[in-house]
Amino acid sequence: MADLTGKNILLVIPKNQFDDAELSRTRAVLDATGARIVILSKSGQSAVGMNKTRITPDSRIVDWNKQAGVAGKYHAVLVMGGKGAPKSLWDDDILPQILTDHYRAERVIGAIGLGVAVLARTGLLAGDTAGPDDEKFLAELEQAGVAPSPDAITHYGNVITARDATAAEKFAQKVVTALGET
């Protein structure tokens, strides 16, 4: 596994009802690289996952650029899914700006599960994309002009998407590989 010491990775989670497995599996792989992980949510308050895991984010999404030890842009920005993503992330005003800014700076951006809809809404997805087989999610993809992929992971340029928690480790490994190349 690549050594990502000195790299900063932003994980954005729903303010509640995040997918515990997506977050924990992705984070475990990223933590093993030595990268600094910053977790933000819309409220910055203690969040409860779908399986009752409780986590306190480092701060709020609005304060993404005010995190101690992070100067400038993150090396990667990843959006986590879960049942709370449609309510707290899909319509967030700031998250699309963060993703677009990092995309234009050629940083790695990605999403897993229902978090992929945020990328679809920003217009940053090209071709087919991985994501869950969820009716509301699929409607978001269709509206954005993006087709669902049968693949568990998609990777186009600096954009990585994953279907769900079953692909979380591979998703995180793709992120690590992409960061190791920069």
Protein backbone atom coordinates (compact mmCIF):
# COMPACT_ATOMS: atom_id res chain seq x y z
CA MET A 1 0.00 0.00 0.00
CA ALA A 2 1.23 3.49 -0.83
CA ASP A 3 2.51 5.80 1.87
CA LEU A 4 0.27 8.88 1.81
CA THR A 5 1.82 10.62 4.79
CA GLY A 6 1.39 14.36 4.29
CA LYS A 7 -1.72 13.97 2.13
CA ASN A 8 -5.08 15.28 3.34
CA ILE A 9 -8.32 13.48 2.52
CA LEU A 10 -11.76 14.95 3.15
CA LEU A 11 -14.63 12.55 3.87
CA VAL A 12 -18.10 14.13 3.79
CA ILE A 13 -20.86 12.24 5.58
CA PRO A 14 -24.61 12.80 5.92
CA LYS A 15 -25.50 14.53 9.18
CA ASN A 16 -27.33 11.32 10.21
CA GLN A 17 -28.10 7.93 8.71
CA PHE A 18 -24.68 7.61 7.02
CA ASP A 19 -23.73 4.13 5.84
CA ASP A 20 -21.58 2.79 8.67
CA ALA A 21 -19.93 0.12 6.52
CA GLU A 22 -19.11 2.48 3.65
CA LEU A 23 -17.45 4.90 6.05
CA SER A 24 -15.62 2.39 8.24
CA ARG A 25 -14.30 0.25 5.38
CA THR A 26 -13.19 3.24 3.33
CA ARG A 27 -11.61 4.90 6.33
CA ALA A 28 -9.76 1.74 7.43
CA VAL A 29 -7.96 1.52 4.09
CA LEU A 30 -7.16 5.24 4.03
CA ASP A 31 -5.98 5.29 7.67
CA ALA A 32 -3.49 2.51 6.89
CA THR A 33 -1.71 4.80 4.40
CA GLY A 34 -0.80 7.48 6.93
CA ALA A 35 -2.95 10.12 5.23
CA ARG A 36 -4.69 12.71 7.41
CA ILE A 37 -8.45 12.14 7.32
CA VAL A 38 -10.86 15.02 7.95
CA ILE A 39 -14.56 14.16 8.37
CA LEU A 40 -17.20 16.84 7.84
CA SER A 41 -20.98 16.89 7.84
CA LYS A 42 -23.60 19.56 7.23
CA SER A 43 -24.15 20.17 10.95
CA GLY A 44 -20.77 19.15 12.40
CA GLN A 45 -22.73 17.58 15.27
CA SER A 46 -22.55 13.98 16.47
CA ALA A 47 -24.00 11.76 13.75
CA VAL A 48 -25.61 8.33 14.03
CA GLY A 49 -25.19 5.82 11.22
CA MET A 50 -27.80 3.46 9.83
CA ASN A 51 -26.40 0.72 12.09
CA LYS A 52 -26.18 3.03 15.13
CA THR A 53 -22.45 3.83 14.90
CA ARG A 54 -21.93 7.25 16.45
CA ILE A 55 -19.26 9.60 15.09
CA THR A 56 -18.46 13.22 15.76
CA PRO A 57 -17.20 14.94 12.60
CA ASP A 58 -14.25 17.31 12.76
CA SER A 59 -16.47 20.21 11.70
CA ARG A 60 -19.15 21.42 9.29
CA ILE A 61 -18.98 21.36 5.50
CA VAL A 62 -19.10 25.16 5.44
CA ASP A 63 -15.77 25.18 7.33
CA TRP A 64 -14.02 22.83 4.90
CA ASN A 65 -11.15 25.25 4.31
CA LYS A 66 -10.58 26.10 7.98
CA GLN A 67 -9.30 22.76 9.26
CA ALA A 68 -6.11 22.77 11.32
CA GLY A 69 -3.20 21.20 9.48
CA VAL A 70 -4.79 21.54 6.05
CA ALA A 71 -3.35 24.29 3.88
CA GLY A 72 -5.01 24.81 0.53
CA LYS A 73 -6.88 22.05 -1.18
CA TYR A 74 -7.36 18.45 -0.05
CA HIS A 75 -5.65 15.77 -2.07
CA ALA A 76 -8.98 13.92 -2.27
CA VAL A 77 -12.62 14.75 -1.48
CA LEU A 78 -14.91 11.74 -1.01
CA VAL A 79 -18.66 11.75 -0.39
CA MET A 80 -20.08 8.91 1.70
CA GLY A 81 -23.62 7.62 1.26
CA GLY A 82 -26.36 6.23 3.42
CA LYS A 83 -30.08 6.87 3.84
CA GLY A 84 -29.31 10.38 5.10
CA ALA A 85 -27.47 11.46 1.94
CA PRO A 86 -30.56 12.54 -0.03
CA LYS A 87 -31.74 14.76 2.84
CA SER A 88 -28.47 16.35 3.94
CA LEU A 89 -26.06 16.12 1.00
CA TRP A 90 -27.89 16.05 -2.32
CA ASP A 91 -29.18 19.62 -1.97
CA ASP A 92 -26.23 21.07 -0.05
CA ASP A 93 -25.17 24.41 -1.55
CA ILE A 94 -21.49 24.25 -0.62
CA LEU A 95 -20.52 20.64 -1.38
CA PRO A 96 -20.88 20.95 -5.19
CA GLN A 97 -18.62 24.01 -5.10
CA ILE A 98 -15.98 22.11 -3.10
CA LEU A 99 -16.11 19.16 -5.48
CA THR A 100 -15.97 21.34 -8.61
CA ASP A 101 -13.08 23.38 -7.21
CA HIS A 102 -11.08 20.25 -6.40
CA TYR A 103 -11.97 18.62 -9.72
CA ARG A 104 -10.69 21.67 -11.63
CA ALA A 105 -7.50 21.55 -9.54
CA GLU A 106 -7.08 17.93 -10.73
CA ARG A 107 -7.51 16.49 -7.24
CA VAL A 108 -9.15 13.11 -6.70
CA ILE A 109 -12.88 13.30 -6.09
CA GLY A 110 -15.19 10.41 -5.48
CA ALA A 111 -18.35 9.09 -3.94
CA ILE A 112 -19.86 5.83 -2.79
CA GLY A 113 -23.45 4.64 -2.57
CA LEU A 114 -26.10 7.33 -2.42
CA GLY A 115 -23.32 9.94 -2.18
CA VAL A 116 -22.71 9.44 -5.92
CA ALA A 117 -25.83 11.52 -6.65
CA VAL A 118 -23.98 14.61 -5.40
CA LEU A 119 -21.41 14.11 -8.18
CA ALA A 120 -24.21 13.55 -10.70
CA ARG A 121 -25.88 16.80 -9.66
CA THR A 122 -22.61 18.73 -10.07
CA GLY A 123 -22.20 17.50 -13.64
CA LEU A 124 -18.79 15.97 -12.89
CA LEU A 125 -19.61 12.42 -13.98
CA ALA A 126 -18.63 11.25 -17.45
CA GLY A 127 -19.91 8.03 -18.95
CA ASP A 128 -21.45 5.36 -16.78
CA THR A 129 -21.18 5.53 -13.01
CA ALA A 130 -21.31 3.06 -10.17
CA GLY A 131 -24.01 3.42 -7.57
CA PRO A 132 -26.75 1.58 -5.73
CA ASP A 133 -29.83 0.07 -7.31
CA ASP A 134 -32.12 2.62 -5.67
CA GLU A 135 -35.11 4.11 -7.49
CA LYS A 136 -34.60 7.69 -6.26
CA PHE A 137 -30.86 7.49 -7.00
CA LEU A 138 -31.44 6.14 -10.51
CA ALA A 139 -33.87 9.01 -11.19
CA GLU A 140 -31.11 11.45 -10.16
CA LEU A 141 -28.69 9.82 -12.60
CA GLU A 142 -31.24 9.96 -15.41
CA GLN A 143 -31.94 13.63 -14.73
CA ALA A 144 -28.18 14.33 -14.83
CA GLY A 145 -27.82 12.41 -18.09
CA VAL A 146 -25.64 9.72 -16.53
CA ALA A 147 -26.19 5.99 -16.95
CA PRO A 148 -25.75 3.47 -14.14
CA SER A 149 -22.86 1.06 -14.58
CA PRO A 150 -23.06 -2.66 -13.84
CA ASP A 151 -19.54 -2.34 -12.40
CA ALA A 152 -18.97 -2.00 -8.65
CA ILE A 153 -16.33 0.70 -9.27
CA THR A 154 -15.90 3.27 -12.02
CA HIS A 155 -12.85 5.44 -12.52
CA TYR A 156 -12.65 8.21 -15.13
CA GLY A 157 -9.73 10.61 -14.88
CA ASN A 158 -9.69 11.86 -11.31
CA VAL A 159 -13.29 10.78 -10.51
CA ILE A 160 -13.94 7.49 -8.71
CA THR A 161 -17.36 6.07 -7.80
CA ALA A 162 -18.47 2.91 -6.01
CA ARG A 163 -21.77 1.09 -5.82
CA ASP A 164 -22.03 0.50 -2.07
CA ALA A 165 -20.30 -0.84 1.05
CA THR A 166 -19.46 -4.13 -0.69
CA ALA A 167 -17.05 -2.16 -2.88
CA ALA A 168 -15.74 0.19 -0.17
CA GLU A 169 -12.29 -1.39 0.19
CA LYS A 170 -11.74 -1.44 -3.59
CA PHE A 171 -13.02 2.14 -3.78
CA ALA A 172 -10.53 3.27 -1.13
CA GLN A 173 -7.71 1.32 -2.81
CA LYS A 174 -8.49 3.08 -6.13
CA VAL A 175 -8.27 6.41 -4.28
CA VAL A 176 -4.94 5.39 -2.73
CA THR A 177 -3.58 4.33 -6.12
CA ALA A 178 -4.73 7.59 -7.72
CA LEU A 179 -3.13 9.63 -4.91
CA GLY A 180 0.08 7.64 -5.16
CA GLU A 181 0.33 8.67 -8.80
CA THR A 182 0.12 12.40 -8.01
